[in-house]
Amino acid sequence: MITLHTNHGDIKLALNEEKAPETAANFLQYAQEGFYDGTIFHRVIDGFMIQGGGFTKDMQQKPTNAPVKNEANNGLSNKVGAIAMARTQDPHSATAQFFINVNDNTFLDHKSQSLQGWGYCVFGEVVEGMDVVNKIKDVATGNHGMHQDVPLEAVVIEKVSIGE
């Protein structure tokens, strides 16, 4: 069990180490190192997802470890409450950033091992605190430099604890 202690409340996550072993281990390593402490949910889109784990409150991107292999072909779906890895256009570029789905986003699921079909790897789910996720998805957002959908008031992951 992983708990994201945010300034909006706690979100408890169960990682699926069986179906996404490398991705779950990657997320756990960042959590154990304290990487996520003090980061923000920097992209919030009601009806889609809340994304965090890469930026500080002043929108500085944190340096990350090497990317992990995309395990989106594991049968897990980007449904409400699922946590998945964010990435660039490169299917195997996920590092630290993640998102929690606030809608059934099955169009993000793995379809084929092609550039367009890889999808986004689900590696766990919210088991407690969807009310907090829903509070976060409703915050007011705007632009910050080249970034869009940034909360106007920082939504901070103050601390991440493991095993609670």
C-alpha atoms as a PDB file:
ATOM      1  CA  MET A   1       0.000   0.000   0.000  1.00  0.00           C
ATOM      2  CA  ILE A   2       1.267   3.459  -0.945  1.00  0.00           C
ATOM      3  CA  THR A   3      -0.272   6.624   0.490  1.00  0.00           C
ATOM      4  CA  LEU A   4       0.014   9.971  -1.271  1.00  0.00           C
ATOM      5  CA  HIS A   5      -0.420  12.570   1.470  1.00  0.00           C
ATOM      6  CA  THR A   6      -1.621  15.656  -0.431  1.00  0.00           C
ATOM      7  CA  ASN A   7      -2.724  19.091   0.705  1.00  0.00           C
ATOM      8  CA  HIS A   8      -6.240  17.936  -0.285  1.00  0.00           C
ATOM      9  CA  GLY A   9      -6.180  14.658   1.694  1.00  0.00           C
ATOM     10  CA  ASP A  10      -4.777  11.141   1.419  1.00  0.00           C
ATOM     11  CA  ILE A  11      -4.925   8.837  -1.607  1.00  0.00           C
ATOM     12  CA  LYS A  12      -4.142   5.162  -0.976  1.00  0.00           C
ATOM     13  CA  LEU A  13      -2.843   3.085  -3.868  1.00  0.00           C
ATOM     14  CA  ALA A  14      -2.438  -0.654  -4.380  1.00  0.00           C
ATOM     15  CA  LEU A  15       0.270  -1.478  -6.921  1.00  0.00           C
ATOM     16  CA  ASN A  16      -0.186  -4.452  -9.242  1.00  0.00           C
ATOM     17  CA  GLU A  17       3.277  -6.004  -9.012  1.00  0.00           C
ATOM     18  CA  GLU A  18       2.054  -9.177 -10.737  1.00  0.00           C
ATOM     19  CA  LYS A  19       0.843  -7.578 -13.984  1.00  0.00           C
ATOM     20  CA  ALA A  20       3.221  -4.576 -14.102  1.00  0.00           C
ATOM     21  CA  PRO A  21       6.326  -5.708 -12.176  1.00  0.00           C
ATOM     22  CA  GLU A  22       8.899  -3.303 -13.662  1.00  0.00           C
ATOM     23  CA  THR A  23       6.558  -0.310 -13.573  1.00  0.00           C
ATOM     24  CA  ALA A  24       5.431  -0.981  -9.994  1.00  0.00           C
ATOM     25  CA  ALA A  25       9.067  -1.429  -8.905  1.00  0.00           C
ATOM     26  CA  ASN A  26      10.000   1.844 -10.652  1.00  0.00           C
ATOM     27  CA  PHE A  27       7.207   3.766  -8.886  1.00  0.00           C
ATOM     28  CA  LEU A  28       8.093   2.169  -5.541  1.00  0.00           C
ATOM     29  CA  GLN A  29      11.759   3.112  -5.951  1.00  0.00           C
ATOM     30  CA  TYR A  30      10.861   6.767  -6.548  1.00  0.00           C
ATOM     31  CA  ALA A  31       8.533   6.646  -3.526  1.00  0.00           C
ATOM     32  CA  GLN A  32      11.202   5.071  -1.285  1.00  0.00           C
ATOM     33  CA  GLU A  33      13.756   7.687  -2.338  1.00  0.00           C
ATOM     34  CA  GLY A  34      11.367  10.508  -1.377  1.00  0.00           C
ATOM     35  CA  PHE A  35      11.328  11.728  -4.991  1.00  0.00           C
ATOM     36  CA  TYR A  36       7.590  12.480  -4.959  1.00  0.00           C
ATOM     37  CA  ASP A  37       7.656  14.430  -1.682  1.00  0.00           C
ATOM     38  CA  GLY A  38       6.969  18.082  -2.501  1.00  0.00           C
ATOM     39  CA  THR A  39       5.955  17.439  -6.113  1.00  0.00           C
ATOM     40  CA  ILE A  40       2.611  18.600  -7.466  1.00  0.00           C
ATOM     41  CA  PHE A  41      -0.273  17.452  -9.593  1.00  0.00           C
ATOM     42  CA  HIS A  42       0.722  19.742 -12.469  1.00  0.00           C
ATOM     43  CA  ARG A  43      -1.906  18.717 -15.027  1.00  0.00           C
ATOM     44  CA  VAL A  44      -5.550  18.384 -14.025  1.00  0.00           C
ATOM     45  CA  ILE A  45      -8.305  17.773 -16.559  1.00  0.00           C
ATOM     46  CA  ASP A  46     -11.799  17.101 -15.204  1.00  0.00           C
ATOM     47  CA  GLY A  47     -13.366  14.222 -17.123  1.00  0.00           C
ATOM     48  CA  PHE A  48      -9.926  12.803 -17.980  1.00  0.00           C
ATOM     49  CA  MET A  49      -7.166  12.514 -15.364  1.00  0.00           C
ATOM     50  CA  ILE A  50      -4.916  14.159 -12.768  1.00  0.00           C
ATOM     51  CA  GLN A  51      -1.169  13.968 -13.502  1.00  0.00           C
ATOM     52  CA  GLY A  52       1.738  14.442 -11.129  1.00  0.00           C
ATOM     53  CA  GLY A  53       5.085  13.236  -9.943  1.00  0.00           C
ATOM     54  CA  GLY A  54       7.506  15.315 -11.966  1.00  0.00           C
ATOM     55  CA  PHE A  55       7.368  19.001 -11.067  1.00  0.00           C
ATOM     56  CA  THR A  56       8.021  21.118  -7.991  1.00  0.00           C
ATOM     57  CA  LYS A  57       5.626  23.867  -6.841  1.00  0.00           C
ATOM     58  CA  ASP A  58       7.491  26.408  -8.994  1.00  0.00           C
ATOM     59  CA  MET A  59       7.014  24.157 -12.072  1.00  0.00           C
ATOM     60  CA  GLN A  60      10.635  23.023 -12.209  1.00  0.00           C
ATOM     61  CA  GLN A  61      10.919  19.527 -13.670  1.00  0.00           C
ATOM     62  CA  LYS A  62      12.871  17.124 -11.469  1.00  0.00           C
ATOM     63  CA  PRO A  63      15.655  14.973 -12.933  1.00  0.00           C
ATOM     64  CA  THR A  64      14.650  11.306 -13.248  1.00  0.00           C
ATOM     65  CA  ASN A  65      16.138   7.844 -13.601  1.00  0.00           C
ATOM     66  CA  ALA A  66      16.212   5.992 -16.924  1.00  0.00           C
ATOM     67  CA  PRO A  67      12.824   5.201 -18.547  1.00  0.00           C
ATOM     68  CA  VAL A  68      11.080   1.886 -17.957  1.00  0.00           C
ATOM     69  CA  LYS A  69       9.797  -0.577 -20.530  1.00  0.00           C
ATOM     70  CA  ASN A  70       6.122  -0.024 -21.334  1.00  0.00           C
ATOM     71  CA  GLU A  71       4.082  -2.849 -19.784  1.00  0.00           C
ATOM     72  CA  ALA A  72       0.713  -1.591 -21.055  1.00  0.00           C
ATOM     73  CA  ASN A  73       0.086  -4.962 -22.728  1.00  0.00           C
ATOM     74  CA  ASN A  74      -0.708  -6.426 -19.277  1.00  0.00           C
ATOM     75  CA  GLY A  75      -4.505  -6.512 -19.623  1.00  0.00           C
ATOM     76  CA  LEU A  76      -5.141  -3.712 -17.111  1.00  0.00           C
ATOM     77  CA  SER A  77      -7.398  -0.875 -18.254  1.00  0.00           C
ATOM     78  CA  ASN A  78      -7.301   2.902 -17.813  1.00  0.00           C
ATOM     79  CA  LYS A  79     -10.595   2.922 -15.933  1.00  0.00           C
ATOM     80  CA  VAL A  80     -11.720   5.294 -13.167  1.00  0.00           C
ATOM     81  CA  GLY A  81      -9.281   5.075 -10.267  1.00  0.00           C
ATOM     82  CA  ALA A  82      -6.519   3.296 -12.205  1.00  0.00           C
ATOM     83  CA  ILE A  83      -3.018   4.760 -11.868  1.00  0.00           C
ATOM     84  CA  ALA A  84      -0.866   4.708 -15.005  1.00  0.00           C
ATOM     85  CA  MET A  85       2.473   6.020 -16.189  1.00  0.00           C
ATOM     86  CA  ALA A  86       2.688   9.246 -18.146  1.00  0.00           C
ATOM     87  CA  ARG A  87       5.094   9.291 -21.085  1.00  0.00           C
ATOM     88  CA  THR A  88       6.029  11.158 -24.240  1.00  0.00           C
ATOM     89  CA  GLN A  89       5.198   9.991 -27.785  1.00  0.00           C
ATOM     90  CA  ASP A  90       7.873   7.309 -27.327  1.00  0.00           C
ATOM     91  CA  PRO A  91       6.008   4.299 -25.878  1.00  0.00           C
ATOM     92  CA  HIS A  92       8.988   3.359 -23.671  1.00  0.00           C
ATOM     93  CA  SER A  93       9.724   6.808 -22.202  1.00  0.00           C
ATOM     94  CA  ALA A  94       7.920   6.673 -18.825  1.00  0.00           C
ATOM     95  CA  THR A  95      10.051   7.725 -15.859  1.00  0.00           C
ATOM     96  CA  ALA A  96       8.469   9.238 -12.715  1.00  0.00           C
ATOM     97  CA  GLN A  97       5.284  10.986 -13.829  1.00  0.00           C
ATOM     98  CA  PHE A  98       1.988   9.186 -13.350  1.00  0.00           C
ATOM     99  CA  PHE A  99      -1.698   9.914 -13.677  1.00  0.00           C
ATOM    100  CA  ILE A 100      -4.882   8.789 -11.987  1.00  0.00           C
ATOM    101  CA  ASN A 101      -7.832   8.291 -14.316  1.00  0.00           C
ATOM    102  CA  VAL A 102     -11.012  10.157 -13.329  1.00  0.00           C
ATOM    103  CA  ASN A 103     -12.934   8.689 -16.264  1.00  0.00           C
ATOM    104  CA  ASP A 104     -12.922   5.384 -18.131  1.00  0.00           C
ATOM    105  CA  ASN A 105     -10.154   6.231 -20.611  1.00  0.00           C
ATOM    106  CA  THR A 106     -10.006   2.927 -22.470  1.00  0.00           C
ATOM    107  CA  PHE A 107      -8.664   4.722 -25.560  1.00  0.00           C
ATOM    108  CA  LEU A 108      -5.368   4.859 -23.587  1.00  0.00           C
ATOM    109  CA  ASP A 109      -5.221   1.058 -23.284  1.00  0.00           C
ATOM    110  CA  HIS A 110      -2.750  -1.128 -25.185  1.00  0.00           C
ATOM    111  CA  LYS A 111      -3.998  -2.136 -28.637  1.00  0.00           C
ATOM    112  CA  SER A 112      -0.853  -3.224 -30.490  1.00  0.00           C
ATOM    113  CA  GLN A 113       2.924  -3.021 -30.279  1.00  0.00           C
ATOM    114  CA  SER A 114       3.065  -0.040 -32.612  1.00  0.00           C
ATOM    115  CA  LEU A 115       3.823   3.624 -31.978  1.00  0.00           C
ATOM    116  CA  GLN A 116       0.102   4.483 -31.928  1.00  0.00           C
ATOM    117  CA  GLY A 117      -1.072   1.290 -30.245  1.00  0.00           C
ATOM    118  CA  TRP A 118       1.160   0.834 -27.218  1.00  0.00           C
ATOM    119  CA  GLY A 119      -1.028   2.716 -24.785  1.00  0.00           C
ATOM    120  CA  TYR A 120      -0.295   3.823 -21.226  1.00  0.00           C
ATOM    121  CA  CYS A 121       0.703   1.291 -18.582  1.00  0.00           C
ATOM    122  CA  VAL A 122      -1.728   0.848 -15.700  1.00  0.00           C
ATOM    123  CA  PHE A 123       0.206  -0.394 -12.666  1.00  0.00           C
ATOM    124  CA  GLY A 124      -2.244  -0.027  -9.798  1.00  0.00           C
ATOM    125  CA  GLU A 125      -5.416   1.556  -8.513  1.00  0.00           C
ATOM    126  CA  VAL A 126      -6.812   3.899  -5.900  1.00  0.00           C
ATOM    127  CA  VAL A 127      -8.207   1.781  -3.066  1.00  0.00           C
ATOM    128  CA  GLU A 128      -9.103   4.662  -0.776  1.00  0.00           C
ATOM    129  CA  GLY A 129      -9.342   8.404  -1.371  1.00  0.00           C
ATOM    130  CA  MET A 130     -11.251   8.703  -4.657  1.00  0.00           C
ATOM    131  CA  ASP A 131     -13.071  11.547  -2.898  1.00  0.00           C
ATOM    132  CA  VAL A 132      -9.696  13.325  -2.698  1.00  0.00           C
ATOM    133  CA  VAL A 133      -8.965  12.566  -6.371  1.00  0.00           C
ATOM    134  CA  ASN A 134     -12.392  14.024  -7.228  1.00  0.00           C
ATOM    135  CA  LYS A 135     -11.638  17.157  -5.176  1.00  0.00           C
ATOM    136  CA  ILE A 136      -8.389  17.581  -7.089  1.00  0.00           C
ATOM    137  CA  LYS A 137     -10.036  17.088 -10.510  1.00  0.00           C
ATOM    138  CA  ASP A 138     -12.377  19.979  -9.698  1.00  0.00           C
ATOM    139  CA  VAL A 139      -9.693  22.599  -8.930  1.00  0.00           C
ATOM    140  CA  ALA A 140      -9.427  25.694 -11.100  1.00  0.00           C
ATOM    141  CA  THR A 141      -6.683  25.453 -13.738  1.00  0.00           C
ATOM    142  CA  GLY A 142      -4.921  27.728 -16.186  1.00  0.00           C
ATOM    143  CA  ASN A 143      -1.708  28.098 -18.164  1.00  0.00           C
ATOM    144  CA  HIS A 144       1.776  28.320 -16.691  1.00  0.00           C
ATOM    145  CA  GLY A 145       4.328  29.095 -19.395  1.00  0.00           C
ATOM    146  CA  MET A 146       3.984  26.370 -22.046  1.00  0.00           C
ATOM    147  CA  HIS A 147       2.035  24.124 -19.653  1.00  0.00           C
ATOM    148  CA  GLN A 148      -1.760  23.943 -19.810  1.00  0.00           C
ATOM    149  CA  ASP A 149      -4.313  22.682 -17.268  1.00  0.00           C
ATOM    150  CA  VAL A 150      -2.081  23.639 -14.327  1.00  0.00           C
ATOM    151  CA  PRO A 151      -3.901  24.112 -10.999  1.00  0.00           C
ATOM    152  CA  LEU A 152      -4.029  27.812 -10.088  1.00  0.00           C
ATOM    153  CA  GLU A 153      -3.296  26.833  -6.470  1.00  0.00           C
ATOM    154  CA  ALA A 154      -0.665  24.118  -6.105  1.00  0.00           C
ATOM    155  CA  VAL A 155      -1.962  20.610  -5.410  1.00  0.00           C
ATOM    156  CA  VAL A 156       1.015  19.242  -3.484  1.00  0.00           C
ATOM    157  CA  ILE A 157       2.050  15.665  -2.770  1.00  0.00           C
ATOM    158  CA  GLU A 158       3.508  16.561   0.617  1.00  0.00           C
ATOM    159  CA  LYS A 159       4.785  13.088   1.430  1.00  0.00           C
ATOM    160  CA  VAL A 160       4.489   9.511   0.212  1.00  0.00           C
ATOM    161  CA  SER A 161       4.408   6.682   2.730  1.00  0.00           C
ATOM    162  CA  ILE A 162       4.749   2.972   2.078  1.00  0.00           C
ATOM    163  CA  GLY A 163       2.948   0.160   3.840  1.00  0.00           C
ATOM    164  CA  GLU A 164       0.214   2.150   5.588  1.00  0.00           C
END
